[in-house]
Protein backbone atom coordinates (compact mmCIF):
# COMPACT_ATOMS: atom_id res chain seq x y z
CA MET A 1 -136.46 29.82 -81.83
CA GLU A 2 -136.10 26.96 -84.32
CA HIS A 3 -134.72 23.60 -83.28
CA ASP A 4 -132.72 20.98 -85.09
CA ALA A 5 -135.29 18.45 -86.32
CA LEU A 6 -133.05 15.90 -88.04
CA HIS A 7 -134.01 13.36 -85.36
CA THR A 8 -137.54 13.23 -86.82
CA ILE A 9 -136.22 11.57 -89.98
CA PRO A 10 -135.67 7.88 -89.21
CA GLU A 11 -131.98 6.98 -89.40
CA PRO A 12 -132.42 4.41 -92.23
CA LEU A 13 -133.97 7.11 -94.47
CA ARG A 14 -131.25 9.73 -94.02
CA PRO A 15 -128.94 8.43 -96.77
CA PHE A 16 -131.61 9.25 -99.39
CA LEU A 17 -134.17 11.63 -97.81
CA SER A 18 -133.59 15.09 -96.39
CA ILE A 19 -136.07 17.67 -95.11
CA THR A 20 -135.02 21.27 -94.82
CA GLU A 21 -136.30 24.83 -94.79
CA ILE A 22 -135.64 27.01 -97.84
CA ASP A 23 -136.00 30.75 -98.26
CA ASP A 24 -137.44 30.83 -101.77
CA ALA A 25 -140.15 28.25 -102.51
CA GLN A 26 -140.46 29.46 -106.10
CA PHE A 27 -136.91 28.34 -106.88
CA ILE A 28 -137.31 24.70 -105.82
CA ALA A 29 -141.03 24.02 -105.42
CA GLY A 30 -142.64 26.54 -107.77
CA ASP A 31 -143.43 24.10 -110.58
CA LEU A 32 -144.85 21.47 -108.22
CA PHE A 33 -146.93 24.03 -106.33
CA ARG A 34 -148.38 25.48 -109.55
CA ARG A 35 -149.18 21.98 -110.81
CA LYS A 36 -151.07 21.15 -107.58
CA PHE A 37 -152.68 24.50 -106.74
CA ALA A 38 -152.71 26.47 -110.03
CA SER A 39 -150.88 29.40 -108.44
CA PRO A 40 -147.34 30.25 -107.34
CA PRO A 41 -146.22 29.35 -103.81
CA PRO A 42 -146.64 32.08 -101.21
CA PRO A 43 -143.70 34.51 -101.11
CA PHE A 44 -143.87 34.67 -97.29
CA GLY A 45 -143.69 32.29 -94.38
CA ARG A 46 -141.59 29.19 -93.96
CA HIS A 47 -141.06 26.72 -96.77
CA LEU A 48 -140.15 23.10 -96.09
CA VAL A 49 -139.02 20.69 -98.77
CA ALA A 50 -138.37 16.97 -98.74
CA LEU A 51 -135.53 16.07 -101.08
CA TYR A 52 -134.88 12.59 -102.39
CA GLY A 53 -131.37 11.78 -103.52
CA ASP A 54 -129.90 8.87 -105.39
CA ALA A 55 -126.71 8.16 -107.30
CA ARG A 56 -128.43 8.16 -110.72
CA SER A 57 -130.25 11.47 -110.71
CA GLY A 58 -128.98 13.55 -107.79
CA PHE A 59 -131.56 15.36 -105.68
CA ARG A 60 -135.22 15.59 -106.65
CA LEU A 61 -138.09 17.36 -104.92
CA ALA A 62 -140.26 14.79 -103.13
CA GLY A 63 -142.57 17.14 -101.24
CA TYR A 64 -143.32 20.68 -100.11
CA SER A 65 -145.18 22.27 -97.21
CA HIS A 66 -145.84 25.88 -96.28
CA MET A 67 -145.85 27.00 -92.65
CA ARG A 68 -147.16 30.50 -92.10
CA PRO A 69 -146.53 32.20 -88.78
CA PHE A 70 -149.75 33.92 -87.70
CA GLY A 71 -149.14 35.53 -84.34
CA ASP A 72 -149.08 32.77 -81.75
CA VAL A 73 -149.96 29.95 -84.17
CA TYR A 74 -148.57 28.46 -87.36
CA LEU A 75 -150.85 27.77 -90.31
CA SER A 76 -149.90 24.65 -92.24
CA GLY A 77 -150.98 24.57 -95.87
CA GLY A 78 -149.96 24.14 -99.46
CA SER A 79 -148.60 20.71 -98.72
CA CYS A 80 -148.03 18.40 -101.63
CA SER A 81 -145.94 15.47 -102.70
CA ASN A 82 -144.31 14.98 -106.06
CA GLY A 83 -145.67 11.81 -107.61
CA GLU A 84 -143.03 11.88 -110.36
CA THR A 85 -140.24 11.72 -107.79
CA ILE A 86 -142.02 9.10 -105.70
CA ARG A 87 -142.57 6.87 -108.75
CA ALA A 88 -138.90 7.31 -109.75
CA MET A 89 -137.59 6.25 -106.32
CA ASP A 90 -135.73 3.04 -105.81
CA PRO A 91 -138.52 0.63 -104.74
CA ALA A 92 -136.76 -0.17 -101.46
CA HIS A 93 -136.45 3.56 -100.68
CA ARG A 94 -140.09 4.21 -101.56
CA GLY A 95 -141.16 1.30 -99.35
CA ALA A 96 -139.07 2.55 -96.44
CA ILE A 97 -140.52 6.07 -96.74
CA GLU A 98 -144.07 4.69 -96.92
CA ALA A 99 -143.42 2.45 -93.90
CA ALA A 100 -142.25 5.54 -91.98
CA GLY A 101 -145.55 7.34 -92.75
CA GLY A 102 -144.86 8.90 -96.14
CA VAL A 103 -143.33 12.15 -97.32
CA TRP A 104 -145.97 14.54 -95.95
CA TYR A 105 -146.11 12.78 -92.58
CA LEU A 106 -142.34 13.13 -92.26
CA VAL A 107 -142.45 16.81 -93.26
CA LEU A 108 -145.16 17.48 -90.64
CA LYS A 109 -143.19 15.73 -87.90
CA TYR A 110 -140.13 17.75 -88.91
CA ALA A 111 -142.11 21.02 -88.78
CA PHE A 112 -143.65 20.22 -85.39
CA ALA A 113 -140.19 19.61 -83.92
CA ARG A 114 -138.42 22.48 -85.69
CA TYR A 115 -140.99 25.17 -84.83
CA ALA A 116 -142.23 23.89 -81.45
CA ASP A 117 -141.02 26.98 -79.60
CA CYS A 118 -142.24 29.39 -82.28
CA CYS A 119 -145.97 28.94 -81.71
CA ASP A 120 -148.65 27.67 -79.35
CA ALA A 121 -150.34 25.41 -81.92
CA PHE A 122 -150.29 24.36 -85.56
CA PHE A 123 -153.50 24.65 -87.57
CA GLY A 124 -154.41 23.14 -90.90
CA HIS A 125 -157.40 23.21 -93.21
CA CYS A 126 -157.97 19.78 -94.69
CA GLY A 127 -160.86 18.52 -96.79
CA ASP A 128 -159.16 15.58 -98.50
CA ARG A 129 -159.81 12.18 -96.87
CA ARG A 130 -156.34 10.73 -97.53
CA ALA A 131 -154.57 13.92 -96.44
CA LEU A 132 -156.64 13.93 -93.25
CA GLU A 133 -155.52 10.36 -92.50
CA VAL A 134 -151.89 11.42 -92.79
CA ALA A 135 -152.43 14.62 -90.79
CA THR A 136 -154.17 12.66 -88.04
CA ALA A 137 -151.36 10.10 -87.93
CA ALA A 138 -148.88 13.00 -87.55
CA GLY A 139 -150.78 14.40 -84.56
CA PHE A 140 -153.49 16.72 -85.88
CA VAL A 141 -156.96 16.45 -84.35
CA GLY A 142 -160.28 17.99 -85.30
CA ALA A 143 -160.73 21.55 -84.07
CA GLY A 144 -164.52 21.52 -83.91
CA HIS A 145 -165.13 23.16 -87.30
CA GLU A 146 -165.43 21.50 -90.68
CA HIS A 147 -161.98 20.90 -92.21
CA LEU A 148 -160.14 22.79 -89.42
CA ILE A 149 -157.50 20.67 -87.68
CA VAL A 150 -155.02 21.49 -84.94
CA HIS A 151 -151.86 20.03 -83.46
CA TRP A 152 -151.55 20.89 -79.76
CA HIS A 153 -147.90 20.38 -78.94
CA LYS A 154 -147.80 22.04 -75.55
CA PRO A 155 -150.15 22.32 -72.58
CA LEU A 156 -152.48 25.30 -72.84
CA HIS A 157 -155.44 26.38 -70.74
CA GLU A 158 -158.75 25.44 -72.34
CA ASN A 159 -159.72 29.12 -72.70
CA ILE A 160 -156.55 29.79 -74.69
CA ARG A 161 -157.23 26.76 -76.87
CA ARG A 162 -160.75 27.99 -77.61
CA ALA A 163 -159.42 31.46 -78.48
CA LEU A 164 -156.80 30.01 -80.83
CA VAL A 165 -159.40 27.82 -82.56
CA ALA A 166 -161.69 30.85 -82.98
CA LYS A 167 -158.80 32.83 -84.45
CA ALA A 168 -157.92 30.12 -86.97
CA HIS A 169 -161.56 29.47 -87.83
CA ALA A 170 -162.16 33.18 -88.49
CA LEU A 171 -159.63 33.01 -91.34
CA GLY A 172 -161.66 30.52 -93.33
CA PRO A 173 -159.74 28.21 -95.66
CA PHE A 174 -156.02 28.96 -95.73
């Protein structure tokens, strides 16, 4: 069951930043995803977008993240921010978002709260140094395999944790 996750967006950011789930990533995030990953966004799973709004230009896509349910875990991938939108932000807004952790950090915190009851853990595959810094700040930790990270958001027996790590690792990069 999904939860309301609005509380994860700091109150001062809410007048100009919204994070929400959409059904069709292609419609809103397709161009950004293709620019970052040279392929269309996955047609399955859960799609989260961060939208920046201002009086001059309306809403603009600030970031995207894909959450794929995979049995008892969620796989987090395809995350990207939109540099064009970030550069176009009011400087005070951009500073406030950066001070709160940045677009991807806020999307991850939103996802962890929204889908907490939908899975036993969140896994990611991260080889980029800067992205790993943000993921770690959001709560991911190393999972014992190169580039594999995990967010443990509930208590689980160590045997279950090992089994979930083995399951995610067996997938390879995702």
